[in-house]
Amino acid sequence: MSGFSLKTSLTRIAWVPLCLLLAACHTDMYDQPRYTANQPSDFFEDGRAMRPPPANTVAMGTFDPNSAMFTGRLDGDLTVELPMELTAELLAHGETRYNAFCAPCHGLTGEGNGIAAYRGGMVVPSLHNDRLRTVPVGYYFDVITNGLNRMYSYAHRLPPEDRWAVAAYVRALQLSQHTPAETLPAEDRAQLP
């Protein structure tokens, strides 16, 4: 009988922590004042309870590190089109990034005659040679990301959007130097020397 009584005592003792835990539970967190989705608010200036996401926030499940935006490739091949809209703002941003990071070697016009090439005694390829004018735009993104020969990677210095902006600007530089005069409007042709 003493064995039964010991077992009963142990069972009662085992219930003590559970009872203490349940006594500590409150519904304060559940019943606290809060806003629900899309409910108006007097607290914030814009009158919305839902706050806009912080800049550069990526929704769960939408980030694809293998997309053309981050690799410069589509189905394993270099992309032939920008993965973003080509705008004047994108080209202007690409020009500032190009001037800061690329022009020291490639020169302001992409001829390969930058100050580092001049003083460093190295041969920097012109961005206007036939081969580089015909490569897909993803090639420039890939080279900026991974480097090539003496050129090291700029992936840690330029985010993907900036690398695409530079690639777009390089294409604009190439067009500026190799557009046939016949394709220009008459008023622009009149300004040519």
N, C-alpha and C. Protein backbone atom coordinates (compact mmCIF):
# COMPACT_ATOMS: atom_id res chain seq x y z
N MET A 1 0.81 -1.19 0.00
CA MET A 1 0.00 0.00 0.00
C MET A 1 0.85 1.25 0.00
N SER A 2 2.03 1.14 0.61
CA SER A 2 2.90 2.32 0.63
C SER A 2 3.38 2.65 -0.79
N GLY A 3 3.48 1.63 -1.67
CA GLY A 3 3.86 1.89 -3.05
C GLY A 3 2.79 2.70 -3.78
N PHE A 4 1.52 2.39 -3.49
CA PHE A 4 0.42 3.13 -4.10
C PHE A 4 0.42 4.58 -3.61
N SER A 5 0.67 4.75 -2.37
CA SER A 5 0.67 6.09 -1.79
C SER A 5 1.84 6.91 -2.34
N LEU A 6 2.98 6.29 -2.58
CA LEU A 6 4.13 7.01 -3.15
C LEU A 6 3.82 7.44 -4.59
N LYS A 7 3.19 6.55 -5.33
CA LYS A 7 2.84 6.86 -6.71
C LYS A 7 1.82 8.01 -6.76
N THR A 8 0.86 7.99 -5.86
CA THR A 8 -0.14 9.04 -5.80
C THR A 8 0.50 10.37 -5.42
N SER A 9 1.43 10.33 -4.50
CA SER A 9 2.13 11.55 -4.08
C SER A 9 2.94 12.14 -5.23
N LEU A 10 3.61 11.30 -5.99
CA LEU A 10 4.40 11.77 -7.13
C LEU A 10 3.50 12.38 -8.20
N THR A 11 2.34 11.80 -8.42
CA THR A 11 1.40 12.33 -9.39
C THR A 11 0.91 13.70 -8.98
N ARG A 12 0.60 13.86 -7.68
CA ARG A 12 0.15 15.15 -7.18
C ARG A 12 1.25 16.20 -7.30
N ILE A 13 2.48 15.81 -7.04
CA ILE A 13 3.62 16.74 -7.13
C ILE A 13 3.84 17.15 -8.59
N ALA A 14 3.62 16.24 -9.53
CA ALA A 14 3.81 16.55 -10.95
C ALA A 14 2.79 17.57 -11.43
N TRP A 15 1.61 17.59 -10.83
CA TRP A 15 0.58 18.56 -11.22
C TRP A 15 0.87 19.96 -10.71
N VAL A 16 1.70 20.11 -9.69
CA VAL A 16 1.97 21.42 -9.09
C VAL A 16 2.59 22.39 -10.12
N PRO A 17 3.66 22.00 -10.88
CA PRO A 17 4.20 22.95 -11.85
C PRO A 17 3.19 23.33 -12.94
N LEU A 18 2.36 22.37 -13.36
CA LEU A 18 1.36 22.67 -14.37
C LEU A 18 0.34 23.66 -13.85
N CYS A 19 -0.09 23.50 -12.60
CA CYS A 19 -1.04 24.44 -12.01
C CYS A 19 -0.42 25.82 -11.87
N LEU A 20 0.84 25.89 -11.48
CA LEU A 20 1.52 27.18 -11.36
C LEU A 20 1.65 27.85 -12.73
N LEU A 21 1.95 27.06 -13.74
CA LEU A 21 2.08 27.60 -15.10
C LEU A 21 0.74 28.15 -15.59
N LEU A 22 -0.33 27.41 -15.36
CA LEU A 22 -1.64 27.87 -15.79
C LEU A 22 -2.10 29.11 -15.01
N ALA A 23 -1.72 29.19 -13.75
CA ALA A 23 -2.08 30.35 -12.95
C ALA A 23 -1.35 31.60 -13.44
N ALA A 24 -0.18 31.40 -14.05
CA ALA A 24 0.60 32.54 -14.55
C ALA A 24 0.10 33.04 -15.90
N CYS A 25 -0.71 32.29 -16.60
CA CYS A 25 -1.21 32.70 -17.91
C CYS A 25 -2.27 33.79 -17.76
N HIS A 26 -2.13 34.82 -18.54
CA HIS A 26 -3.11 35.89 -18.56
C HIS A 26 -3.48 36.16 -20.01
N THR A 27 -4.54 36.81 -20.21
CA THR A 27 -4.97 37.16 -21.56
C THR A 27 -4.66 38.62 -21.86
N ASP A 28 -3.77 39.25 -21.06
CA ASP A 28 -3.45 40.66 -21.26
C ASP A 28 -2.92 40.93 -22.67
N MET A 29 -2.03 40.08 -23.14
CA MET A 29 -1.45 40.29 -24.47
C MET A 29 -2.52 40.15 -25.55
N TYR A 30 -3.44 39.23 -25.34
CA TYR A 30 -4.47 39.01 -26.33
C TYR A 30 -5.49 40.14 -26.33
N ASP A 31 -5.79 40.65 -25.16
CA ASP A 31 -6.83 41.67 -25.03
C ASP A 31 -6.31 43.10 -25.09
N GLN A 32 -5.03 43.27 -25.39
CA GLN A 32 -4.48 44.63 -25.39
C GLN A 32 -5.04 45.45 -26.55
N PRO A 33 -5.07 46.78 -26.40
CA PRO A 33 -5.56 47.60 -27.51
C PRO A 33 -4.61 47.51 -28.70
N ARG A 34 -5.16 47.33 -29.87
CA ARG A 34 -4.34 47.20 -31.08
C ARG A 34 -5.18 47.54 -32.29
N TYR A 35 -4.50 47.78 -33.40
CA TYR A 35 -5.19 48.03 -34.66
C TYR A 35 -5.19 46.76 -35.48
N THR A 36 -6.20 46.61 -36.29
CA THR A 36 -6.22 45.51 -37.24
C THR A 36 -5.82 46.06 -38.61
N ALA A 37 -5.58 45.17 -39.54
CA ALA A 37 -5.13 45.58 -40.87
C ALA A 37 -6.11 46.54 -41.52
N ASN A 38 -5.58 47.56 -42.16
CA ASN A 38 -6.34 48.58 -42.90
C ASN A 38 -7.28 49.43 -42.04
N GLN A 39 -7.10 49.39 -40.74
CA GLN A 39 -7.92 50.21 -39.86
C GLN A 39 -7.34 51.62 -39.79
N PRO A 40 -8.17 52.66 -39.78
CA PRO A 40 -7.64 54.02 -39.66
C PRO A 40 -7.04 54.26 -38.28
N SER A 41 -6.12 55.22 -38.22
CA SER A 41 -5.43 55.52 -36.97
C SER A 41 -5.29 57.02 -36.81
N ASP A 42 -5.49 57.50 -35.59
CA ASP A 42 -5.24 58.91 -35.29
C ASP A 42 -3.80 59.13 -34.85
N PHE A 43 -3.07 58.06 -34.59
CA PHE A 43 -1.72 58.17 -34.05
C PHE A 43 -0.72 58.65 -35.10
N PHE A 44 -0.81 58.12 -36.33
CA PHE A 44 0.14 58.46 -37.38
C PHE A 44 -0.39 59.58 -38.26
N GLU A 45 0.51 60.38 -38.78
CA GLU A 45 0.13 61.54 -39.59
C GLU A 45 -0.66 61.15 -40.84
N ASP A 46 -0.31 60.02 -41.44
CA ASP A 46 -0.99 59.63 -42.68
C ASP A 46 -2.34 58.96 -42.41
N GLY A 47 -2.72 58.78 -41.14
CA GLY A 47 -4.02 58.24 -40.79
C GLY A 47 -4.16 56.74 -40.98
N ARG A 48 -3.06 56.05 -41.26
CA ARG A 48 -3.12 54.60 -41.48
C ARG A 48 -2.50 53.86 -40.30
N ALA A 49 -3.11 52.78 -39.91
CA ALA A 49 -2.53 51.95 -38.85
C ALA A 49 -1.40 51.09 -39.41
N MET A 50 -1.57 50.61 -40.65
CA MET A 50 -0.53 49.78 -41.27
C MET A 50 0.59 50.69 -41.73
N ARG A 51 1.80 50.36 -41.38
CA ARG A 51 2.94 51.16 -41.75
C ARG A 51 3.51 50.64 -43.07
N PRO A 52 4.01 51.54 -43.91
CA PRO A 52 4.64 51.06 -45.16
C PRO A 52 5.92 50.31 -44.82
N PRO A 53 6.29 49.34 -45.62
CA PRO A 53 7.51 48.58 -45.34
C PRO A 53 8.74 49.47 -45.50
N PRO A 54 9.79 49.21 -44.74
CA PRO A 54 11.02 49.98 -44.90
C PRO A 54 11.60 49.81 -46.31
N ALA A 55 12.41 50.76 -46.72
CA ALA A 55 13.02 50.70 -48.05
C ALA A 55 13.81 49.41 -48.21
N ASN A 56 13.79 48.86 -49.41
CA ASN A 56 14.53 47.65 -49.79
C ASN A 56 14.01 46.39 -49.09
N THR A 57 12.81 46.43 -48.56
CA THR A 57 12.22 45.25 -47.94
C THR A 57 11.78 44.30 -49.04
N VAL A 58 12.07 43.04 -48.86
CA VAL A 58 11.67 42.02 -49.82
C VAL A 58 10.66 41.10 -49.14
N ALA A 59 9.51 40.96 -49.73
CA ALA A 59 8.48 40.09 -49.15
C ALA A 59 8.95 38.65 -49.17
N MET A 60 8.58 37.92 -48.14
CA MET A 60 8.99 36.51 -48.06
C MET A 60 8.49 35.75 -49.27
N GLY A 61 9.35 34.94 -49.83
CA GLY A 61 8.99 34.12 -50.96
C GLY A 61 9.12 34.80 -52.31
N THR A 62 9.48 36.10 -52.33
CA THR A 62 9.59 36.79 -53.62
C THR A 62 11.03 36.96 -54.07
N PHE A 63 11.99 36.75 -53.19
CA PHE A 63 13.40 36.93 -53.56
C PHE A 63 13.91 35.68 -54.27
N ASP A 64 14.44 35.86 -55.46
CA ASP A 64 15.00 34.75 -56.22
C ASP A 64 16.45 35.09 -56.56
N PRO A 65 17.41 34.54 -55.80
CA PRO A 65 18.81 34.89 -56.05
C PRO A 65 19.32 34.41 -57.40
N ASN A 66 18.57 33.56 -58.08
CA ASN A 66 18.98 33.06 -59.40
C ASN A 66 18.30 33.80 -60.54
N SER A 67 17.61 34.89 -60.24
CA SER A 67 16.92 35.65 -61.29
C SER A 67 17.94 36.45 -62.10
N ALA A 68 17.50 36.92 -63.24
CA ALA A 68 18.37 37.72 -64.12
C ALA A 68 18.84 38.99 -63.42
N MET A 69 18.04 39.51 -62.52
CA MET A 69 18.40 40.73 -61.80
C MET A 69 19.68 40.56 -61.00
N PHE A 70 19.91 39.37 -60.47
CA PHE A 70 21.05 39.14 -59.59
C PHE A 70 22.17 38.34 -60.22
N THR A 71 21.92 37.73 -61.38
CA THR A 71 22.96 36.92 -62.02
C THR A 71 23.39 37.44 -63.38
N GLY A 72 22.52 38.21 -64.04
CA GLY A 72 22.82 38.66 -65.40
C GLY A 72 22.55 37.58 -66.42
N ARG A 73 21.92 36.51 -65.98
CA ARG A 73 21.66 35.37 -66.87
C ARG A 73 20.19 34.99 -66.81
N LEU A 74 19.72 34.49 -67.95
CA LEU A 74 18.36 33.98 -68.05
C LEU A 74 18.46 32.61 -68.69
N ASP A 75 18.04 31.59 -67.97
CA ASP A 75 18.16 30.20 -68.41
C ASP A 75 19.60 29.84 -68.76
N GLY A 76 20.56 30.36 -68.01
CA GLY A 76 21.96 30.04 -68.21
C GLY A 76 22.69 30.91 -69.20
N ASP A 77 21.97 31.66 -70.03
CA ASP A 77 22.60 32.52 -71.03
C ASP A 77 22.59 33.96 -70.54
N LEU A 78 23.57 34.74 -70.98
CA LEU A 78 23.62 36.14 -70.61
C LEU A 78 22.38 36.86 -71.13
N THR A 79 21.82 37.72 -70.31
CA THR A 79 20.60 38.42 -70.72
C THR A 79 20.90 39.44 -71.81
N VAL A 80 19.98 39.60 -72.71
CA VAL A 80 20.13 40.56 -73.80
C VAL A 80 19.37 41.85 -73.51
N GLU A 81 18.52 41.83 -72.48
CA GLU A 81 17.75 43.02 -72.11
C GLU A 81 17.93 43.31 -70.63
N LEU A 82 17.77 44.56 -70.28
CA LEU A 82 17.83 44.95 -68.87
C LEU A 82 16.65 44.33 -68.12
N PRO A 83 16.85 43.90 -66.89
CA PRO A 83 15.73 43.35 -66.12
C PRO A 83 14.92 44.46 -65.42
N MET A 84 15.12 45.68 -65.82
CA MET A 84 14.40 46.83 -65.27
C MET A 84 14.09 47.79 -66.40
N GLU A 85 13.26 48.76 -66.13
CA GLU A 85 12.88 49.72 -67.16
C GLU A 85 14.04 50.69 -67.43
N LEU A 86 14.31 50.93 -68.70
CA LEU A 86 15.34 51.88 -69.10
C LEU A 86 14.74 53.29 -69.06
N THR A 87 15.25 54.12 -68.15
CA THR A 87 14.76 55.48 -68.00
C THR A 87 15.93 56.45 -68.02
N ALA A 88 15.63 57.72 -68.16
CA ALA A 88 16.67 58.75 -68.11
C ALA A 88 17.32 58.77 -66.73
N GLU A 89 16.53 58.53 -65.69
CA GLU A 89 17.08 58.50 -64.33
C GLU A 89 18.06 57.34 -64.16
N LEU A 90 17.73 56.19 -64.74
CA LEU A 90 18.62 55.04 -64.66
C LEU A 90 19.94 55.34 -65.35
N LEU A 91 19.88 55.95 -66.53
CA LEU A 91 21.11 56.30 -67.26
C LEU A 91 21.92 57.35 -66.50
N ALA A 92 21.26 58.32 -65.91
CA ALA A 92 21.97 59.35 -65.14
C ALA A 92 22.66 58.72 -63.93
N HIS A 93 21.97 57.81 -63.28
CA HIS A 93 22.58 57.12 -62.13
C HIS A 93 23.74 56.24 -62.61
N GLY A 94 23.54 55.57 -63.73
CA GLY A 94 24.62 54.75 -64.29
C GLY A 94 25.83 55.58 -64.64
N GLU A 95 25.62 56.79 -65.14
CA GLU A 95 26.74 57.67 -65.46
C GLU A 95 27.53 58.04 -64.21
N THR A 96 26.85 58.36 -63.12
CA THR A 96 27.58 58.71 -61.89
C THR A 96 28.35 57.52 -61.36
N ARG A 97 27.77 56.33 -61.41
CA ARG A 97 28.47 55.12 -60.94
C ARG A 97 29.64 54.79 -61.88
N TYR A 98 29.43 54.93 -63.19
CA TYR A 98 30.49 54.69 -64.16
C TYR A 98 31.65 55.65 -63.91
N ASN A 99 31.34 56.93 -63.77
CA ASN A 99 32.40 57.92 -63.56
C ASN A 99 33.18 57.66 -62.28
N ALA A 100 32.52 57.16 -61.25
CA ALA A 100 33.18 56.90 -59.98
C ALA A 100 34.01 55.61 -60.01
N PHE A 101 33.48 54.56 -60.60
CA PHE A 101 34.12 53.25 -60.49
C PHE A 101 34.82 52.77 -61.76
N CYS A 102 34.36 53.18 -62.93
CA CYS A 102 34.87 52.63 -64.19
C CYS A 102 35.81 53.59 -64.93
N ALA A 103 35.49 54.88 -64.88
CA ALA A 103 36.26 55.87 -65.64
C ALA A 103 37.74 55.92 -65.25
N PRO A 104 38.13 55.65 -64.01
CA PRO A 104 39.57 55.68 -63.72
C PRO A 104 40.39 54.75 -64.61
N CYS A 105 39.83 53.66 -65.06
CA CYS A 105 40.55 52.77 -65.97
C CYS A 105 40.06 52.92 -67.41
N HIS A 106 38.74 52.91 -67.61
CA HIS A 106 38.19 52.91 -68.97
C HIS A 106 38.08 54.30 -69.58
N GLY A 107 38.23 55.34 -68.79
CA GLY A 107 38.11 56.70 -69.32
C GLY A 107 36.66 57.15 -69.36
N LEU A 108 36.46 58.45 -69.44
CA LEU A 108 35.09 58.99 -69.42
C LEU A 108 34.27 58.59 -70.63
N THR A 109 34.93 58.35 -71.75
CA THR A 109 34.20 57.95 -72.96
C THR A 109 34.28 56.45 -73.23
N GLY A 110 34.97 55.70 -72.38
CA GLY A 110 35.06 54.25 -72.56
C GLY A 110 36.13 53.79 -73.52
N GLU A 111 37.07 54.66 -73.87
CA GLU A 111 38.13 54.31 -74.82
C GLU A 111 39.27 53.50 -74.19
N GLY A 112 39.24 53.31 -72.87
CA GLY A 112 40.33 52.58 -72.21
C GLY A 112 41.51 53.46 -71.87
N ASN A 113 41.29 54.76 -71.82
CA ASN A 113 42.38 55.70 -71.59
C ASN A 113 42.24 56.46 -70.27
N GLY A 114 41.76 55.78 -69.24
CA GLY A 114 41.62 56.41 -67.94
C GLY A 114 42.96 56.66 -67.28
N ILE A 115 42.94 57.40 -66.19
CA ILE A 115 44.18 57.78 -65.50
C ILE A 115 44.92 56.56 -64.96
N ALA A 116 44.22 55.57 -64.47
CA ALA A 116 44.88 54.37 -63.96
C ALA A 116 45.57 53.61 -65.09
N ALA A 117 44.95 53.58 -66.26
CA ALA A 117 45.58 52.92 -67.41
C ALA A 117 46.81 53.71 -67.85
N TYR A 118 46.70 55.01 -67.81
CA TYR A 118 47.80 55.89 -68.24
C TYR A 118 48.99 55.77 -67.28
N ARG A 119 48.73 55.89 -65.99
CA ARG A 119 49.81 55.86 -64.99
C ARG A 119 50.24 54.46 -64.63
N GLY A 120 49.32 53.51 -64.72
CA GLY A 120 49.64 52.14 -64.32
C GLY A 120 50.31 51.33 -65.41
N GLY A 121 50.40 51.87 -66.60
CA GLY A 121 51.04 51.15 -67.69
C GLY A 121 50.31 49.90 -68.12
N MET A 122 49.01 49.83 -67.88
CA MET A 122 48.27 48.63 -68.28
C MET A 122 47.40 48.93 -69.49
N VAL A 123 47.09 47.90 -70.21
CA VAL A 123 46.24 48.03 -71.38
C VAL A 123 44.81 47.72 -70.95
N VAL A 124 43.96 48.71 -71.05
CA VAL A 124 42.55 48.55 -70.70
C VAL A 124 41.77 48.53 -72.00
N PRO A 125 40.94 47.52 -72.21
CA PRO A 125 40.21 47.44 -73.49
C PRO A 125 39.21 48.59 -73.64
N SER A 126 39.11 49.03 -74.87
CA SER A 126 38.10 50.03 -75.20
C SER A 126 36.73 49.36 -75.19
N LEU A 127 35.75 50.04 -74.64
CA LEU A 127 34.39 49.51 -74.64
C LEU A 127 33.74 49.65 -76.01
N HIS A 128 34.48 50.25 -76.96
CA HIS A 128 33.93 50.51 -78.28
C HIS A 128 34.44 49.54 -79.35
N ASN A 129 35.21 48.52 -78.95
CA ASN A 129 35.65 47.57 -79.98
C ASN A 129 34.46 46.71 -80.41
N ASP A 130 34.57 46.12 -81.58
CA ASP A 130 33.44 45.40 -82.18
C ASP A 130 32.91 44.28 -81.29
N ARG A 131 33.81 43.56 -80.65
CA ARG A 131 33.37 42.45 -79.80
C ARG A 131 32.52 42.95 -78.64
N LEU A 132 32.97 44.01 -77.95
CA LEU A 132 32.24 44.49 -76.78
C LEU A 132 30.96 45.23 -77.15
N ARG A 133 30.86 45.72 -78.37
CA ARG A 133 29.62 46.38 -78.79
C ARG A 133 28.54 45.37 -79.13
N THR A 134 28.92 44.12 -79.39
CA THR A 134 27.94 43.12 -79.79
C THR A 134 27.59 42.11 -78.70
N VAL A 135 28.28 42.17 -77.55
CA VAL A 135 27.96 41.22 -76.48
C VAL A 135 26.62 41.61 -75.83
N PRO A 136 25.93 40.63 -75.25
CA PRO A 136 24.67 40.96 -74.54
C PRO A 136 24.95 41.89 -73.36
N VAL A 137 23.96 42.67 -72.98
CA VAL A 137 24.13 43.62 -71.87
C VAL A 137 24.42 42.87 -70.56
N GLY A 138 23.97 41.64 -70.44
CA GLY A 138 24.26 40.83 -69.25
C GLY A 138 25.75 40.57 -69.07
N TYR A 139 26.52 40.66 -70.17
CA TYR A 139 27.97 40.48 -70.09
C TYR A 139 28.58 41.54 -69.18
N TYR A 140 28.15 42.78 -69.33
CA TYR A 140 28.70 43.87 -68.52
C TYR A 140 28.35 43.67 -67.05
N PHE A 141 27.11 43.26 -66.80
CA PHE A 141 26.71 42.97 -65.42
C PHE A 141 27.58 41.86 -64.85
N ASP A 142 27.82 40.81 -65.63
CA ASP A 142 28.62 39.67 -65.19
C ASP A 142 30.06 40.09 -64.89
N VAL A 143 30.65 40.91 -65.75
CA VAL A 143 32.03 41.34 -65.54
C VAL A 143 32.13 42.26 -64.33
N ILE A 144 31.17 43.17 -64.16
CA ILE A 144 31.18 44.04 -62.99
C ILE A 144 31.02 43.21 -61.72
N THR A 145 30.20 42.18 -61.78
CA THR A 145 29.94 41.34 -60.62
C THR A 145 31.12 40.43 -60.28
N ASN A 146 31.70 39.79 -61.28
CA ASN A 146 32.72 38.76 -61.04
C ASN A 146 34.14 39.18 -61.37
N GLY A 147 34.29 40.30 -62.07
CA GLY A 147 35.63 40.70 -62.49
C GLY A 147 36.07 39.93 -63.71
N LEU A 148 37.17 40.38 -64.32
CA LEU A 148 37.72 39.71 -65.49
C LEU A 148 39.17 40.15 -65.65
N ASN A 149 40.06 39.19 -65.80
CA ASN A 149 41.49 39.47 -65.93
C ASN A 149 41.97 40.35 -64.77
N ARG A 150 42.50 41.53 -65.05
CA ARG A 150 42.99 42.41 -63.98
C ARG A 150 41.87 43.15 -63.25
N MET A 151 40.73 43.22 -63.86
CA MET A 151 39.61 43.92 -63.23
C MET A 151 39.00 43.03 -62.15
N TYR A 152 38.97 43.55 -60.93
CA TYR A 152 38.40 42.77 -59.83
C TYR A 152 36.90 43.01 -59.74
N SER A 153 36.26 42.20 -58.93
CA SER A 153 34.81 42.28 -58.77
C SER A 153 34.39 43.56 -58.05
N TYR A 154 33.30 44.13 -58.50
CA TYR A 154 32.71 45.29 -57.84
C TYR A 154 31.41 44.92 -57.13
N ALA A 155 31.16 43.62 -56.96
CA ALA A 155 29.90 43.17 -56.37
C ALA A 155 29.70 43.71 -54.96
N HIS A 156 30.78 43.83 -54.20
CA HIS A 156 30.63 44.32 -52.83
C HIS A 156 30.60 45.85 -52.77
N ARG A 157 30.89 46.53 -53.87
CA ARG A 157 30.85 47.99 -53.89
C ARG A 157 29.59 48.54 -54.55
N LEU A 158 29.03 47.79 -55.47
CA LEU A 158 27.86 48.24 -56.21
C LEU A 158 26.73 47.23 -56.06
N PRO A 159 25.57 47.66 -55.58
CA PRO A 159 24.43 46.73 -55.52
C PRO A 159 23.97 46.38 -56.94
N PRO A 160 23.20 45.31 -57.10
CA PRO A 160 22.79 44.87 -58.44
C PRO A 160 22.14 45.96 -59.28
N GLU A 161 21.31 46.79 -58.68
CA GLU A 161 20.63 47.85 -59.44
C GLU A 161 21.66 48.82 -60.03
N ASP A 162 22.71 49.13 -59.26
CA ASP A 162 23.75 50.03 -59.76
C ASP A 162 24.57 49.37 -60.87
N ARG A 163 24.80 48.07 -60.75
CA ARG A 163 25.55 47.37 -61.81
C ARG A 163 24.77 47.39 -63.11
N TRP A 164 23.44 47.22 -63.03
CA TRP A 164 22.62 47.29 -64.24
C TRP A 164 22.60 48.71 -64.79
N ALA A 165 22.60 49.70 -63.91
CA ALA A 165 22.62 51.10 -64.37
C ALA A 165 23.92 51.37 -65.12
N VAL A 166 25.04 50.85 -64.63
CA VAL A 166 26.32 51.03 -65.32
C VAL A 166 26.29 50.31 -66.66
N ALA A 167 25.74 49.10 -66.69
CA ALA A 167 25.66 48.36 -67.96
C ALA A 167 24.82 49.13 -68.98
N ALA A 168 23.73 49.72 -68.54
CA ALA A 168 22.90 50.53 -69.44
C ALA A 168 23.65 51.75 -69.92
N TYR A 169 24.42 52.37 -69.04
CA TYR A 169 25.18 53.55 -69.43
C TYR A 169 26.30 53.19 -70.41
N VAL A 170 26.92 52.04 -70.23
CA VAL A 170 27.95 51.60 -71.18
C VAL A 170 27.34 51.44 -72.56
N ARG A 171 26.12 50.87 -72.63
CA ARG A 171 25.44 50.75 -73.92
C ARG A 171 25.18 52.14 -74.52
N ALA A 172 24.79 53.10 -73.68
CA ALA A 172 24.55 54.46 -74.16
C ALA A 172 25.85 55.08 -74.67
N LEU A 173 26.96 54.83 -73.98
CA LEU A 173 28.27 55.33 -74.45
C LEU A 173 28.59 54.74 -75.82
N GLN A 174 28.36 53.46 -75.96
CA GLN A 174 28.65 52.80 -77.24
C GLN A 174 27.78 53.38 -78.36
N LEU A 175 26.52 53.59 -78.07
CA LEU A 175 25.64 54.19 -79.08
C LEU A 175 26.07 55.60 -79.43
N SER A 176 26.54 56.34 -78.44
CA SER A 176 26.95 57.73 -78.69
C SER A 176 28.14 57.81 -79.63
N GLN A 177 28.96 56.79 -79.67
CA GLN A 177 30.16 56.81 -80.50
C GLN A 177 29.97 56.10 -81.83
N HIS A 178 28.91 55.31 -81.97
CA HIS A 178 28.77 54.47 -83.17
C HIS A 178 27.40 54.55 -83.82
N THR A 179 26.70 55.63 -83.62
CA THR A 179 25.41 55.80 -84.29
C THR A 179 25.66 56.45 -85.64
N PRO A 180 25.20 55.86 -86.73
CA PRO A 180 25.39 56.47 -88.05
C PRO A 180 24.69 57.82 -88.13
N ALA A 181 25.35 58.79 -88.73
CA ALA A 181 24.81 60.15 -88.82
C ALA A 181 23.48 60.19 -89.58
N GLU A 182 23.29 59.26 -90.51
CA GLU A 182 22.06 59.26 -91.30
C GLU A 182 20.83 58.97 -90.44
N THR A 183 21.02 58.30 -89.31
CA THR A 183 19.87 57.95 -88.46
C THR A 183 19.46 59.09 -87.54
N LEU A 184 20.25 60.17 -87.50
CA LEU A 184 19.94 61.30 -86.63
C LEU A 184 18.93 62.23 -87.29
N PRO A 185 18.14 62.94 -86.48
CA PRO A 185 17.24 63.94 -87.06
C PRO A 185 18.04 65.06 -87.74
N ALA A 186 17.42 65.75 -88.68
CA ALA A 186 18.10 66.78 -89.47
C ALA A 186 18.72 67.87 -88.59
N GLU A 187 18.00 68.32 -87.53
CA GLU A 187 18.55 69.38 -86.68
C GLU A 187 19.79 68.92 -85.92
N ASP A 188 19.87 67.62 -85.58
CA ASP A 188 21.07 67.11 -84.91
C ASP A 188 22.22 66.94 -85.90
N ARG A 189 21.90 66.53 -87.13
CA ARG A 189 22.94 66.39 -88.15
C ARG A 189 23.55 67.74 -88.48
N ALA A 190 22.77 68.81 -88.42
CA ALA A 190 23.28 70.14 -88.71
C ALA A 190 24.33 70.59 -87.69
N GLN A 191 24.30 70.02 -86.49
CA GLN A 191 25.25 70.40 -85.44
C GLN A 191 26.56 69.64 -85.53
N LEU A 192 26.61 68.61 -86.36
CA LEU A 192 27.84 67.81 -86.49
C LEU A 192 28.92 68.60 -87.24
N PRO A 193 30.19 68.38 -86.87
CA PRO A 193 31.27 69.10 -87.57
C PRO A 193 31.48 68.59 -88.98
